[in-house]
Amino acid sequence: MKTELVTTLKRQATKILAELHDSKEPVLITEHGQPSAYLIDISDYDLMQKRMQILKGLSRGETAILENRTYNHTQAKEKMSKWLK
């Protein structure tokens, strides 16, 4: 992973962005020697967001199972009957 100072980002944003788009490698931005932010390609960010939505859905499903908030096939069919017409 590439690391850049925030001052370098300010001075060379166009160059850093071009390299980011070419390499698809995240850039760690530091301030005062400490990690401050990650700069990532927009397509990678979108993919991460989609994956997070899938993981949230799986988590809700696991919670429903643990809390016994699930239906068997017959129960689900009855609940959905108004939508399945």
Foldseek 3Di string as FASTA:
>chain_A
DAEDEVVCCVVPVVVVVVVCVVPQDWYFYDYPNHTDDIDGDPVVVVVVVVVVVVVVVVVVVVVCVVVVVDDDPVVVCVVCVVVVD
